[in-house]
Amino acid sequence: MQTITTRVPAKIILSGEHAVVHGAPAIACAVDLFVQARFRWRSDASYSFEIAPLEAAHTYSVEQLDAIVARLDQNYRWFREGKISIQQVLDHPLEFIPYATAIAARHIGSYPPPPCHCELTIHAPVGCGMGSSAAISIAIIAATGKLLDHELPAEEIFDLALRAESLIHAHPSGVDPAVCLYGGAILFQNRKIQSIPLPTWEPILLHSGRPLSTTGECVQAVAEKFPSGHPVWQAFKETVLAIRDRLHISPDKHLFQLIRRNHELLCSIGVVPQRIQNVIRAIEEAGGAAKICGAGAVCGENAGIIMALGNFNCARIAQRFNLEMLSAHPIAGGLQCYQSSNP
C-alpha cells in the first residue's frame, strides 16, 4: 500500500505582526516544530481525517466533500460582501482540512481524488501564532498532489494554502504559508519573498495560552481602528527593517531596544492583553526584551507565543506567570515530501 508523508515546519514572526497585512514588511523564520500528514488509500469510497493531538476524526463521502467546498466558498463570498463575520465561515474549525484536499484535487484536474485516509500529527501549538493552519494546509495540499502523481509547484501550493487559510484568517498576508513552505528566514512584503540569513541568536519562546480571539478577529479589529496608510504602519516598517539589519549580530542593547519598540507598537494597536504586558515588563526588568509572536488577542488574557531575548531566569518568569517554556529553534528547511510502499 502506498503511503505519502509530508512534513512542514511551524513558524515564528520575529517582527511585523499585523503590519504585514497593511503592506509593511515582516520577518519570519521556520522552527523545528512540525506538522506531518500521512496519506494512504482507502478501500471504500470515503475520505477520513484523523488529527492528533486534538483527538479528532472525521469521515466524508464525496458528496459531503462537494458540499463542504460549495458551502465554504459561498460563506467566504458572503464574508467578503459583509453579510457574515469571519467566525461564521466555518461550521467547524477543522473543516479547512478536507477543503484543502478537495481544492488541491480540483486544481490538478483529478476530482474527486481517490478515497484516502489522512493521519495528521501536529507538534506546534494550535491557534497560538505559530502558523499551524498554514502548515496543515501545505502538508495536506502537497500530499494530495503526490497521491495523484502530480508534483505541485511551490507557487501553486502557496496559492492553494492561502485560499484555505483565508477561511480562518479573513485576509491573510501570505507570510505564514510562505515561510512554512520555503523554510529558513524571510523578509515578506506584499507577497514578495526575500530569503535572508537565519538569526545568529535563538529566541526564547514562552506559551501564554491559546487566545480567546482568533487571528481573523484580531486582524479585523485592528484594521477597523488602524487602516492601511495609518502612520503606525510606517513605524512598524522602520522597526522591522532595523531588526533585519541585526539578525547576524549577537544580541546587544540596540536589538533589545528594537524588540521593546516592537512591543510598544503592538500595545498601541491593542493586541497585547494586560497579563502579557505584565509578563513582558517582568522580562524587561530582568534585563531582557520580549514581544508577542503572532496576532495577539483583542479579548481575554492569553496571547499565544511570547518571544524573548536576554540572559534572564526564564524558568522563574514562566513559573510566576504560569507560562509554558517551548523548545523550538530556527531551521533552514521547509516542506518535505516522502513516498513509501507498505506491504
C-alpha atoms as a PDB file:
ATOM      1  CA  MET A   1       0.000   0.000   0.000  1.00  0.00           C
ATOM      2  CA  GLN A   2       1.362   3.407  -0.976  1.00  0.00           C
ATOM      3  CA  THR A   3       1.869   5.988   1.786  1.00  0.00           C
ATOM      4  CA  ILE A   4       2.598   9.655   1.191  1.00  0.00           C
ATOM      5  CA  THR A   5       4.147  11.631   4.060  1.00  0.00           C
ATOM      6  CA  THR A   6       4.627  15.377   4.127  1.00  0.00           C
ATOM      7  CA  ARG A   7       6.289  17.378   6.881  1.00  0.00           C
ATOM      8  CA  VAL A   8       6.025  21.154   7.252  1.00  0.00           C
ATOM      9  CA  PRO A   9       7.617  23.384   9.913  1.00  0.00           C
ATOM     10  CA  ALA A  10       5.793  25.857  12.096  1.00  0.00           C
ATOM     11  CA  LYS A  11       6.996  29.452  12.188  1.00  0.00           C
ATOM     12  CA  ILE A  12       7.564  32.475  14.352  1.00  0.00           C
ATOM     13  CA  ILE A  13       7.343  36.097  13.290  1.00  0.00           C
ATOM     14  CA  LEU A  14      10.360  37.973  14.571  1.00  0.00           C
ATOM     15  CA  SER A  15       8.852  41.341  13.687  1.00  0.00           C
ATOM     16  CA  GLY A  16       5.976  42.782  11.663  1.00  0.00           C
ATOM     17  CA  GLU A  17       2.782  41.173  13.023  1.00  0.00           C
ATOM     18  CA  HIS A  18      -0.329  42.963  11.737  1.00  0.00           C
ATOM     19  CA  ALA A  19       1.835  45.459   9.832  1.00  0.00           C
ATOM     20  CA  VAL A  20       2.413  42.875   7.105  1.00  0.00           C
ATOM     21  CA  VAL A  21      -1.352  42.818   6.414  1.00  0.00           C
ATOM     22  CA  HIS A  22      -1.144  46.552   5.637  1.00  0.00           C
ATOM     23  CA  GLY A  23       1.759  46.432   3.202  1.00  0.00           C
ATOM     24  CA  ALA A  24       4.683  46.738   5.613  1.00  0.00           C
ATOM     25  CA  PRO A  25       7.396  44.059   5.701  1.00  0.00           C
ATOM     26  CA  ALA A  26       7.637  41.259   8.225  1.00  0.00           C
ATOM     27  CA  ILE A  27      10.472  38.956   9.251  1.00  0.00           C
ATOM     28  CA  ALA A  28       9.580  35.319   9.865  1.00  0.00           C
ATOM     29  CA  CYS A  29      11.506  32.094  10.256  1.00  0.00           C
ATOM     30  CA  ALA A  30      10.696  28.396  10.311  1.00  0.00           C
ATOM     31  CA  VAL A  31      11.186  26.474  13.554  1.00  0.00           C
ATOM     32  CA  ASP A  32      11.626  22.788  14.325  1.00  0.00           C
ATOM     33  CA  LEU A  33       8.082  22.066  15.442  1.00  0.00           C
ATOM     34  CA  PHE A  34       6.343  20.195  12.645  1.00  0.00           C
ATOM     35  CA  VAL A  35       3.019  19.270  11.131  1.00  0.00           C
ATOM     36  CA  GLN A  36       3.068  15.855   9.489  1.00  0.00           C
ATOM     37  CA  ALA A  37       0.445  14.391   7.153  1.00  0.00           C
ATOM     38  CA  ARG A  38       0.389  10.699   6.173  1.00  0.00           C
ATOM     39  CA  PHE A  39      -1.951   9.771   3.321  1.00  0.00           C
ATOM     40  CA  ARG A  40      -2.829   6.230   2.257  1.00  0.00           C
ATOM     41  CA  TRP A  41      -5.519   4.707   0.062  1.00  0.00           C
ATOM     42  CA  ARG A  42      -8.872   3.554   1.444  1.00  0.00           C
ATOM     43  CA  SER A  43     -10.740   0.541   0.095  1.00  0.00           C
ATOM     44  CA  ASP A  44     -14.148   2.176   0.451  1.00  0.00           C
ATOM     45  CA  ALA A  45     -15.464   5.331  -1.211  1.00  0.00           C
ATOM     46  CA  SER A  46     -14.772   7.799   1.585  1.00  0.00           C
ATOM     47  CA  TYR A  47     -12.225  10.286   2.885  1.00  0.00           C
ATOM     48  CA  SER A  48     -11.149  10.173   6.523  1.00  0.00           C
ATOM     49  CA  PHE A  49      -9.031  12.553   8.552  1.00  0.00           C
ATOM     50  CA  GLU A  50      -7.536  11.696  11.942  1.00  0.00           C
ATOM     51  CA  ILE A  51      -5.969  14.633  13.752  1.00  0.00           C
ATOM     52  CA  ALA A  52      -3.586  14.262  16.699  1.00  0.00           C
ATOM     53  CA  PRO A  53      -3.146  15.588  19.355  1.00  0.00           C
ATOM     54  CA  LEU A  54      -6.644  17.082  19.004  1.00  0.00           C
ATOM     55  CA  GLU A  55      -8.209  13.607  19.198  1.00  0.00           C
ATOM     56  CA  ALA A  56     -10.461  14.493  16.275  1.00  0.00           C
ATOM     57  CA  ALA A  57     -11.565  12.185  13.478  1.00  0.00           C
ATOM     58  CA  HIS A  58     -13.937  12.881  10.595  1.00  0.00           C
ATOM     59  CA  THR A  59     -15.049  10.827   7.593  1.00  0.00           C
ATOM     60  CA  TYR A  60     -16.698  12.236   4.455  1.00  0.00           C
ATOM     61  CA  SER A  61     -18.303  10.866   1.317  1.00  0.00           C
ATOM     62  CA  VAL A  62     -17.523  12.544  -1.994  1.00  0.00           C
ATOM     63  CA  GLU A  63     -20.953  14.205  -1.834  1.00  0.00           C
ATOM     64  CA  GLN A  64     -20.102  15.639   1.600  1.00  0.00           C
ATOM     65  CA  LEU A  65     -16.747  16.826   0.279  1.00  0.00           C
ATOM     66  CA  ASP A  66     -18.554  18.590  -2.584  1.00  0.00           C
ATOM     67  CA  ALA A  67     -20.957  20.195  -0.132  1.00  0.00           C
ATOM     68  CA  ILE A  68     -18.169  21.453   2.135  1.00  0.00           C
ATOM     69  CA  VAL A  69     -16.349  23.170  -0.736  1.00  0.00           C
ATOM     70  CA  ALA A  70     -19.538  24.748  -2.089  1.00  0.00           C
ATOM     71  CA  ARG A  71     -20.657  25.951   1.351  1.00  0.00           C
ATOM     72  CA  LEU A  72     -17.286  27.348   2.429  1.00  0.00           C
ATOM     73  CA  ASP A  73     -16.722  29.140  -0.873  1.00  0.00           C
ATOM     74  CA  GLN A  74     -20.204  30.658  -0.593  1.00  0.00           C
ATOM     75  CA  ASN A  75     -19.670  31.610   3.055  1.00  0.00           C
ATOM     76  CA  TYR A  76     -16.368  33.282   2.240  1.00  0.00           C
ATOM     77  CA  ARG A  77     -18.026  35.275  -0.549  1.00  0.00           C
ATOM     78  CA  TRP A  78     -20.696  36.374   1.937  1.00  0.00           C
ATOM     79  CA  PHE A  79     -17.952  37.380   4.378  1.00  0.00           C
ATOM     80  CA  ARG A  80     -16.237  39.450   1.679  1.00  0.00           C
ATOM     81  CA  GLU A  81     -19.588  41.126   0.957  1.00  0.00           C
ATOM     82  CA  GLY A  82     -20.050  41.945   4.654  1.00  0.00           C
ATOM     83  CA  LYS A  83     -23.041  39.649   5.091  1.00  0.00           C
ATOM     84  CA  ILE A  84     -21.453  37.408   7.747  1.00  0.00           C
ATOM     85  CA  SER A  85     -18.430  37.551  10.065  1.00  0.00           C
ATOM     86  CA  ILE A  86     -15.265  35.525   9.527  1.00  0.00           C
ATOM     87  CA  GLN A  87     -16.266  33.375  12.517  1.00  0.00           C
ATOM     88  CA  GLN A  88     -19.353  32.221  10.566  1.00  0.00           C
ATOM     89  CA  VAL A  89     -17.461  30.962   7.515  1.00  0.00           C
ATOM     90  CA  LEU A  90     -16.568  27.587   9.062  1.00  0.00           C
ATOM     91  CA  ASP A  91     -19.146  25.470  10.859  1.00  0.00           C
ATOM     92  CA  HIS A  92     -16.273  23.561  12.479  1.00  0.00           C
ATOM     93  CA  PRO A  93     -12.691  24.877  12.925  1.00  0.00           C
ATOM     94  CA  LEU A  94     -11.168  21.840  11.177  1.00  0.00           C
ATOM     95  CA  GLU A  95     -13.318  21.997   8.030  1.00  0.00           C
ATOM     96  CA  PHE A  96     -10.499  23.690   6.141  1.00  0.00           C
ATOM     97  CA  ILE A  97      -8.650  20.337   6.152  1.00  0.00           C
ATOM     98  CA  PRO A  98     -10.987  18.367   3.837  1.00  0.00           C
ATOM     99  CA  TYR A  99     -11.482  21.638   1.943  1.00  0.00           C
ATOM    100  CA  ALA A 100      -7.717  21.791   1.254  1.00  0.00           C
ATOM    101  CA  THR A 101      -7.753  18.224  -0.058  1.00  0.00           C
ATOM    102  CA  ALA A 102     -10.662  18.941  -2.383  1.00  0.00           C
ATOM    103  CA  ILE A 103      -9.351  22.209  -3.847  1.00  0.00           C
ATOM    104  CA  ALA A 104      -5.940  20.631  -4.472  1.00  0.00           C
ATOM    105  CA  ALA A 105      -7.532  17.749  -6.401  1.00  0.00           C
ATOM    106  CA  ARG A 106      -9.734  20.142  -8.377  1.00  0.00           C
ATOM    107  CA  HIS A 107      -6.745  22.344  -9.178  1.00  0.00           C
ATOM    108  CA  ILE A 108      -4.859  19.345 -10.514  1.00  0.00           C
ATOM    109  CA  GLY A 109      -7.895  18.271 -12.548  1.00  0.00           C
ATOM    110  CA  SER A 110      -8.316  14.926 -10.814  1.00  0.00           C
ATOM    111  CA  TYR A 111     -11.516  15.312  -8.845  1.00  0.00           C
ATOM    112  CA  PRO A 112     -12.788  13.502  -6.951  1.00  0.00           C
ATOM    113  CA  PRO A 113      -9.479  12.248  -5.560  1.00  0.00           C
ATOM    114  CA  PRO A 114      -9.122   8.527  -4.826  1.00  0.00           C
ATOM    115  CA  PRO A 115     -10.603   7.550  -1.428  1.00  0.00           C
ATOM    116  CA  CYS A 116      -7.917   8.097   1.187  1.00  0.00           C
ATOM    117  CA  HIS A 117      -7.144   8.246   4.886  1.00  0.00           C
ATOM    118  CA  CYS A 118      -5.050  11.060   6.365  1.00  0.00           C
ATOM    119  CA  GLU A 119      -3.287  10.912   9.716  1.00  0.00           C
ATOM    120  CA  LEU A 120      -2.343  14.429  10.740  1.00  0.00           C
ATOM    121  CA  THR A 121       0.129  14.975  13.582  1.00  0.00           C
ATOM    122  CA  ILE A 122       0.608  18.493  14.907  1.00  0.00           C
ATOM    123  CA  HIS A 123       3.598  19.220  17.155  1.00  0.00           C
ATOM    124  CA  ALA A 124       3.178  23.013  17.230  1.00  0.00           C
ATOM    125  CA  PRO A 125       0.645  24.803  19.442  1.00  0.00           C
ATOM    126  CA  VAL A 126      -2.600  25.352  17.512  1.00  0.00           C
ATOM    127  CA  GLY A 127      -4.180  28.793  17.279  1.00  0.00           C
ATOM    128  CA  CYS A 128      -1.268  30.482  19.034  1.00  0.00           C
ATOM    129  CA  GLY A 129       0.607  32.371  16.323  1.00  0.00           C
ATOM    130  CA  MET A 130       2.945  29.658  15.017  1.00  0.00           C
ATOM    131  CA  GLY A 131       1.342  29.191  11.613  1.00  0.00           C
ATOM    132  CA  SER A 132      -0.302  25.841  12.337  1.00  0.00           C
ATOM    133  CA  SER A 133      -3.196  26.381   9.896  1.00  0.00           C
ATOM    134  CA  ALA A 134      -0.779  27.327   7.099  1.00  0.00           C
ATOM    135  CA  ALA A 135       1.474  24.342   7.853  1.00  0.00           C
ATOM    136  CA  ILE A 136      -1.538  21.988   7.928  1.00  0.00           C
ATOM    137  CA  SER A 137      -2.848  23.356   4.616  1.00  0.00           C
ATOM    138  CA  ILE A 138       0.542  22.964   2.933  1.00  0.00           C
ATOM    139  CA  ALA A 139       1.007  19.427   4.266  1.00  0.00           C
ATOM    140  CA  ILE A 140      -2.467  18.389   3.051  1.00  0.00           C
ATOM    141  CA  ILE A 141      -2.191  20.059  -0.369  1.00  0.00           C
ATOM    142  CA  ALA A 142       1.298  18.731  -1.135  1.00  0.00           C
ATOM    143  CA  ALA A 143       0.333  15.219  -0.036  1.00  0.00           C
ATOM    144  CA  THR A 144      -2.830  15.298  -2.174  1.00  0.00           C
ATOM    145  CA  GLY A 145      -0.760  16.280  -5.187  1.00  0.00           C
ATOM    146  CA  LYS A 146       1.725  13.494  -4.564  1.00  0.00           C
ATOM    147  CA  LEU A 147      -1.092  10.989  -4.068  1.00  0.00           C
ATOM    148  CA  LEU A 148      -2.378  11.971  -7.520  1.00  0.00           C
ATOM    149  CA  ASP A 149       1.124  11.604  -9.044  1.00  0.00           C
ATOM    150  CA  HIS A 150       1.298  15.342  -9.568  1.00  0.00           C
ATOM    151  CA  GLU A 151       4.240  17.384  -8.304  1.00  0.00           C
ATOM    152  CA  LEU A 152       2.624  20.708  -7.495  1.00  0.00           C
ATOM    153  CA  PRO A 153       4.987  23.678  -7.972  1.00  0.00           C
ATOM    154  CA  ALA A 154       5.709  25.620  -4.791  1.00  0.00           C
ATOM    155  CA  GLU A 155       3.903  28.713  -6.129  1.00  0.00           C
ATOM    156  CA  GLU A 156       0.714  26.706  -6.659  1.00  0.00           C
ATOM    157  CA  ILE A 157       0.929  25.125  -3.195  1.00  0.00           C
ATOM    158  CA  PHE A 158       1.298  28.634  -1.773  1.00  0.00           C
ATOM    159  CA  ASP A 159      -1.776  29.941  -3.610  1.00  0.00           C
ATOM    160  CA  LEU A 160      -3.922  26.972  -2.593  1.00  0.00           C
ATOM    161  CA  ALA A 161      -2.773  27.137   1.036  1.00  0.00           C
ATOM    162  CA  LEU A 162      -3.531  30.861   1.141  1.00  0.00           C
ATOM    163  CA  ARG A 163      -7.029  30.120  -0.168  1.00  0.00           C
ATOM    164  CA  ALA A 164      -7.626  27.561   2.596  1.00  0.00           C
ATOM    165  CA  GLU A 165      -6.120  29.826   5.243  1.00  0.00           C
ATOM    166  CA  SER A 166      -8.398  32.687   4.192  1.00  0.00           C
ATOM    167  CA  LEU A 167     -11.362  30.757   5.559  1.00  0.00           C
ATOM    168  CA  ILE A 168      -9.845  31.161   9.042  1.00  0.00           C
ATOM    169  CA  HIS A 169      -7.845  34.378   8.941  1.00  0.00           C
ATOM    170  CA  ALA A 170     -10.067  36.515   6.683  1.00  0.00           C
ATOM    171  CA  HIS A 171      -7.369  38.428   4.788  1.00  0.00           C
ATOM    172  CA  PRO A 172      -4.042  36.661   5.441  1.00  0.00           C
ATOM    173  CA  SER A 173      -0.942  38.414   4.167  1.00  0.00           C
ATOM    174  CA  GLY A 174       0.660  35.170   2.988  1.00  0.00           C
ATOM    175  CA  VAL A 175       3.657  35.348   5.316  1.00  0.00           C
ATOM    176  CA  ASP A 176       2.689  32.132   7.140  1.00  0.00           C
ATOM    177  CA  PRO A 177       2.402  29.816   4.111  1.00  0.00           C
ATOM    178  CA  ALA A 178       5.491  31.453   2.582  1.00  0.00           C
ATOM    179  CA  VAL A 179       7.827  30.721   5.472  1.00  0.00           C
ATOM    180  CA  CYS A 180       6.299  27.321   6.280  1.00  0.00           C
ATOM    181  CA  LEU A 181       6.644  26.273   2.630  1.00  0.00           C
ATOM    182  CA  TYR A 182      10.142  27.542   1.905  1.00  0.00           C
ATOM    183  CA  GLY A 183      11.671  27.380   5.389  1.00  0.00           C
ATOM    184  CA  GLY A 184      14.587  29.438   6.639  1.00  0.00           C
ATOM    185  CA  ALA A 185      14.122  33.122   7.343  1.00  0.00           C
ATOM    186  CA  ILE A 186      12.340  35.505   5.015  1.00  0.00           C
ATOM    187  CA  LEU A 187      11.528  39.163   4.624  1.00  0.00           C
ATOM    188  CA  PHE A 188       7.953  39.200   3.341  1.00  0.00           C
ATOM    189  CA  GLN A 189       6.089  42.191   1.891  1.00  0.00           C
ATOM    190  CA  ASN A 190       3.083  42.326  -0.441  1.00  0.00           C
ATOM    191  CA  ARG A 191       3.525  38.637  -1.370  1.00  0.00           C
ATOM    192  CA  LYS A 192       7.167  39.206  -2.303  1.00  0.00           C
ATOM    193  CA  ILE A 193       9.514  36.777  -0.569  1.00  0.00           C
ATOM    194  CA  GLN A 194      13.156  37.589   0.080  1.00  0.00           C
ATOM    195  CA  SER A 195      15.308  34.902   1.668  1.00  0.00           C
ATOM    196  CA  ILE A 196      17.509  36.313   4.435  1.00  0.00           C
ATOM    197  CA  PRO A 197      20.007  34.686   6.826  1.00  0.00           C
ATOM    198  CA  LEU A 198      18.653  32.923   9.871  1.00  0.00           C
ATOM    199  CA  PRO A 199      19.284  34.890  13.060  1.00  0.00           C
ATOM    200  CA  THR A 200      22.535  34.053  14.810  1.00  0.00           C
ATOM    201  CA  TRP A 201      20.624  34.289  18.088  1.00  0.00           C
ATOM    202  CA  GLU A 202      17.944  31.893  19.282  1.00  0.00           C
ATOM    203  CA  PRO A 203      14.789  33.428  20.700  1.00  0.00           C
ATOM    204  CA  ILE A 204      13.237  32.181  23.922  1.00  0.00           C
ATOM    205  CA  LEU A 205       9.634  31.087  23.362  1.00  0.00           C
ATOM    206  CA  LEU A 206       7.019  31.164  26.108  1.00  0.00           C
ATOM    207  CA  HIS A 207       3.463  29.926  25.584  1.00  0.00           C
ATOM    208  CA  SER A 208       0.910  32.089  27.409  1.00  0.00           C
ATOM    209  CA  GLY A 209      -2.123  30.007  26.385  1.00  0.00           C
ATOM    210  CA  ARG A 210      -4.440  29.982  23.402  1.00  0.00           C
ATOM    211  CA  PRO A 211      -6.101  33.391  22.844  1.00  0.00           C
ATOM    212  CA  LEU A 212      -9.872  33.698  23.111  1.00  0.00           C
ATOM    213  CA  SER A 213      -9.922  35.715  19.886  1.00  0.00           C
ATOM    214  CA  THR A 214      -8.858  34.218  16.574  1.00  0.00           C
ATOM    215  CA  THR A 215      -6.259  35.664  14.216  1.00  0.00           C
ATOM    216  CA  GLY A 216      -9.077  36.703  11.876  1.00  0.00           C
ATOM    217  CA  GLU A 217     -10.879  38.563  14.664  1.00  0.00           C
ATOM    218  CA  CYS A 218      -7.671  40.342  15.687  1.00  0.00           C
ATOM    219  CA  VAL A 219      -6.824  41.366  12.136  1.00  0.00           C
ATOM    220  CA  GLN A 220     -10.328  42.722  11.573  1.00  0.00           C
ATOM    221  CA  ALA A 221     -10.407  44.616  14.877  1.00  0.00           C
ATOM    222  CA  VAL A 222      -7.021  46.247  14.227  1.00  0.00           C
ATOM    223  CA  ALA A 223      -7.866  47.117  10.607  1.00  0.00           C
ATOM    224  CA  GLU A 224     -11.016  48.937  11.708  1.00  0.00           C
ATOM    225  CA  LYS A 225      -9.029  51.242  14.000  1.00  0.00           C
ATOM    226  CA  PHE A 226      -5.761  51.414  12.046  1.00  0.00           C
ATOM    227  CA  PRO A 227      -6.439  51.163   8.290  1.00  0.00           C
ATOM    228  CA  SER A 228      -3.702  50.893   5.699  1.00  0.00           C
ATOM    229  CA  GLY A 229      -1.954  54.244   5.427  1.00  0.00           C
ATOM    230  CA  HIS A 230      -2.115  54.932   9.166  1.00  0.00           C
ATOM    231  CA  PRO A 231       1.233  56.283  10.481  1.00  0.00           C
ATOM    232  CA  VAL A 232       1.612  53.330  12.856  1.00  0.00           C
ATOM    233  CA  TRP A 233       2.424  51.038   9.928  1.00  0.00           C
ATOM    234  CA  GLN A 234       5.353  53.230   8.883  1.00  0.00           C
ATOM    235  CA  ALA A 235       6.657  52.991  12.449  1.00  0.00           C
ATOM    236  CA  PHE A 236       6.345  49.200  12.247  1.00  0.00           C
ATOM    237  CA  LYS A 237       8.199  49.169   8.912  1.00  0.00           C
ATOM    238  CA  GLU A 238      11.121  51.150  10.304  1.00  0.00           C
ATOM    239  CA  THR A 239      11.374  48.799  13.273  1.00  0.00           C
ATOM    240  CA  VAL A 240      11.192  45.657  11.128  1.00  0.00           C
ATOM    241  CA  LEU A 241      13.962  46.812   8.787  1.00  0.00           C
ATOM    242  CA  ALA A 242      16.168  47.811  11.706  1.00  0.00           C
ATOM    243  CA  ILE A 243      15.721  44.359  13.273  1.00  0.00           C
ATOM    244  CA  ARG A 244      16.519  42.723   9.916  1.00  0.00           C
ATOM    245  CA  ASP A 245      19.867  44.513   9.895  1.00  0.00           C
ATOM    246  CA  ARG A 246      20.762  42.992  13.279  1.00  0.00           C
ATOM    247  CA  LEU A 247      19.876  39.353  12.608  1.00  0.00           C
ATOM    248  CA  HIS A 248      23.524  38.472  12.058  1.00  0.00           C
ATOM    249  CA  ILE A 249      24.783  40.295  15.156  1.00  0.00           C
ATOM    250  CA  SER A 250      24.842  38.876  18.665  1.00  0.00           C
ATOM    251  CA  PRO A 251      22.019  40.387  20.721  1.00  0.00           C
ATOM    252  CA  ASP A 252      23.027  43.789  22.078  1.00  0.00           C
ATOM    253  CA  LYS A 253      21.332  46.809  23.605  1.00  0.00           C
ATOM    254  CA  HIS A 254      20.289  48.089  20.162  1.00  0.00           C
ATOM    255  CA  LEU A 255      18.429  44.864  19.326  1.00  0.00           C
ATOM    256  CA  PHE A 256      16.823  44.870  22.776  1.00  0.00           C
ATOM    257  CA  GLN A 257      15.639  48.441  22.193  1.00  0.00           C
ATOM    258  CA  LEU A 258      14.144  47.441  18.848  1.00  0.00           C
ATOM    259  CA  ILE A 259      12.296  44.453  20.326  1.00  0.00           C
ATOM    260  CA  ARG A 260      10.961  46.724  23.073  1.00  0.00           C
ATOM    261  CA  ARG A 261       9.891  49.248  20.442  1.00  0.00           C
ATOM    262  CA  ASN A 262       8.101  46.479  18.543  1.00  0.00           C
ATOM    263  CA  HIS A 263       6.298  45.544  21.765  1.00  0.00           C
ATOM    264  CA  GLU A 264       5.240  49.151  22.334  1.00  0.00           C
ATOM    265  CA  LEU A 265       3.791  49.331  18.825  1.00  0.00           C
ATOM    266  CA  LEU A 266       1.832  46.118  19.340  1.00  0.00           C
ATOM    267  CA  CYS A 267       0.474  47.515  22.602  1.00  0.00           C
ATOM    268  CA  SER A 268      -0.551  50.695  20.784  1.00  0.00           C
ATOM    269  CA  ILE A 269      -2.783  48.764  18.356  1.00  0.00           C
ATOM    270  CA  GLY A 270      -4.481  46.917  21.199  1.00  0.00           C
ATOM    271  CA  VAL A 271      -3.420  43.282  20.754  1.00  0.00           C
ATOM    272  CA  VAL A 272      -1.366  42.747  23.936  1.00  0.00           C
ATOM    273  CA  PRO A 273      -3.557  41.843  26.957  1.00  0.00           C
ATOM    274  CA  GLN A 274      -2.659  43.308  30.332  1.00  0.00           C
ATOM    275  CA  ARG A 275      -1.443  39.951  31.683  1.00  0.00           C
ATOM    276  CA  ILE A 276       1.021  39.677  28.790  1.00  0.00           C
ATOM    277  CA  GLN A 277       2.159  43.267  29.293  1.00  0.00           C
ATOM    278  CA  ASN A 278       2.923  42.329  32.900  1.00  0.00           C
ATOM    279  CA  VAL A 279       4.943  39.315  31.747  1.00  0.00           C
ATOM    280  CA  ILE A 280       6.953  41.403  29.307  1.00  0.00           C
ATOM    281  CA  ARG A 281       7.512  44.136  31.909  1.00  0.00           C
ATOM    282  CA  ALA A 282       8.956  41.489  34.245  1.00  0.00           C
ATOM    283  CA  ILE A 283      11.254  40.236  31.471  1.00  0.00           C
ATOM    284  CA  GLU A 284      12.422  43.795  30.796  1.00  0.00           C
ATOM    285  CA  GLU A 285      13.040  44.404  34.500  1.00  0.00           C
ATOM    286  CA  ALA A 286      15.176  41.242  34.497  1.00  0.00           C
ATOM    287  CA  GLY A 287      17.290  42.711  31.681  1.00  0.00           C
ATOM    288  CA  GLY A 288      15.610  41.068  28.695  1.00  0.00           C
ATOM    289  CA  ALA A 289      13.285  42.136  25.896  1.00  0.00           C
ATOM    290  CA  ALA A 290      10.139  40.466  24.612  1.00  0.00           C
ATOM    291  CA  LYS A 291       7.096  40.782  22.362  1.00  0.00           C
ATOM    292  CA  ILE A 292       4.152  38.661  21.332  1.00  0.00           C
ATOM    293  CA  CYS A 293       4.831  36.456  18.341  1.00  0.00           C
ATOM    294  CA  GLY A 294       1.616  36.394  16.337  1.00  0.00           C
ATOM    295  CA  ALA A 295      -1.694  38.202  16.132  1.00  0.00           C
ATOM    296  CA  GLY A 296      -2.062  38.544  19.900  1.00  0.00           C
ATOM    297  CA  ALA A 297      -5.561  38.967  21.287  1.00  0.00           C
ATOM    298  CA  VAL A 298      -8.342  41.545  21.464  1.00  0.00           C
ATOM    299  CA  CYS A 299     -10.102  39.832  24.373  1.00  0.00           C
ATOM    300  CA  GLY A 300      -9.095  37.591  27.257  1.00  0.00           C
ATOM    301  CA  GLU A 301      -5.693  37.403  28.939  1.00  0.00           C
ATOM    302  CA  ASN A 302      -3.815  34.905  26.744  1.00  0.00           C
ATOM    303  CA  ALA A 303      -1.893  35.881  23.618  1.00  0.00           C
ATOM    304  CA  GLY A 304      -0.256  32.708  22.359  1.00  0.00           C
ATOM    305  CA  ILE A 305       3.508  32.801  21.960  1.00  0.00           C
ATOM    306  CA  ILE A 306       5.838  35.351  23.543  1.00  0.00           C
ATOM    307  CA  MET A 307       9.293  35.724  22.000  1.00  0.00           C
ATOM    308  CA  ALA A 308      12.037  36.885  24.358  1.00  0.00           C
ATOM    309  CA  LEU A 309      15.749  37.633  24.287  1.00  0.00           C
ATOM    310  CA  GLY A 310      18.203  38.059  27.108  1.00  0.00           C
ATOM    311  CA  ASN A 311      20.078  36.331  29.896  1.00  0.00           C
ATOM    312  CA  PHE A 312      17.332  36.203  32.496  1.00  0.00           C
ATOM    313  CA  ASN A 313      15.838  33.430  34.615  1.00  0.00           C
ATOM    314  CA  CYS A 314      13.270  32.183  32.119  1.00  0.00           C
ATOM    315  CA  ALA A 315      12.054  29.344  34.349  1.00  0.00           C
ATOM    316  CA  ARG A 316      11.296  31.771  37.164  1.00  0.00           C
ATOM    317  CA  ILE A 317       9.283  34.045  34.851  1.00  0.00           C
ATOM    318  CA  ALA A 318       7.422  31.048  33.424  1.00  0.00           C
ATOM    319  CA  GLN A 319       6.537  29.760  36.881  1.00  0.00           C
ATOM    320  CA  ARG A 320       5.494  33.187  38.163  1.00  0.00           C
ATOM    321  CA  PHE A 321       3.074  33.800  35.278  1.00  0.00           C
ATOM    322  CA  ASN A 322       2.030  30.203  34.561  1.00  0.00           C
ATOM    323  CA  LEU A 323       3.681  30.043  31.150  1.00  0.00           C
ATOM    324  CA  GLU A 324       4.924  27.031  29.218  1.00  0.00           C
ATOM    325  CA  MET A 325       8.531  27.086  28.005  1.00  0.00           C
ATOM    326  CA  LEU A 326       8.785  25.873  24.403  1.00  0.00           C
ATOM    327  CA  SER A 327      11.821  24.237  22.877  1.00  0.00           C
ATOM    328  CA  ALA A 328      11.949  25.412  19.253  1.00  0.00           C
ATOM    329  CA  HIS A 329      14.867  26.512  17.120  1.00  0.00           C
ATOM    330  CA  PRO A 330      15.091  28.350  13.770  1.00  0.00           C
ATOM    331  CA  ILE A 331      15.741  25.972  10.857  1.00  0.00           C
ATOM    332  CA  ALA A 332      16.570  26.269   7.176  1.00  0.00           C
ATOM    333  CA  GLY A 333      14.245  23.582   5.776  1.00  0.00           C
ATOM    334  CA  GLY A 334      10.644  23.905   4.632  1.00  0.00           C
ATOM    335  CA  LEU A 335       8.196  21.414   3.084  1.00  0.00           C
ATOM    336  CA  GLN A 336       9.445  17.825   2.801  1.00  0.00           C
ATOM    337  CA  CYS A 337       7.629  15.023   0.988  1.00  0.00           C
ATOM    338  CA  TYR A 338       8.243  11.260   1.134  1.00  0.00           C
ATOM    339  CA  GLN A 339       6.695   8.304  -0.655  1.00  0.00           C
ATOM    340  CA  SER A 340       6.830   4.705   0.537  1.00  0.00           C
ATOM    341  CA  SER A 341       5.191   1.375  -0.205  1.00  0.00           C
ATOM    342  CA  ASN A 342       3.948  -0.810   2.621  1.00  0.00           C
ATOM    343  CA  PRO A 343       3.164  -4.498   2.255  1.00  0.00           C
END
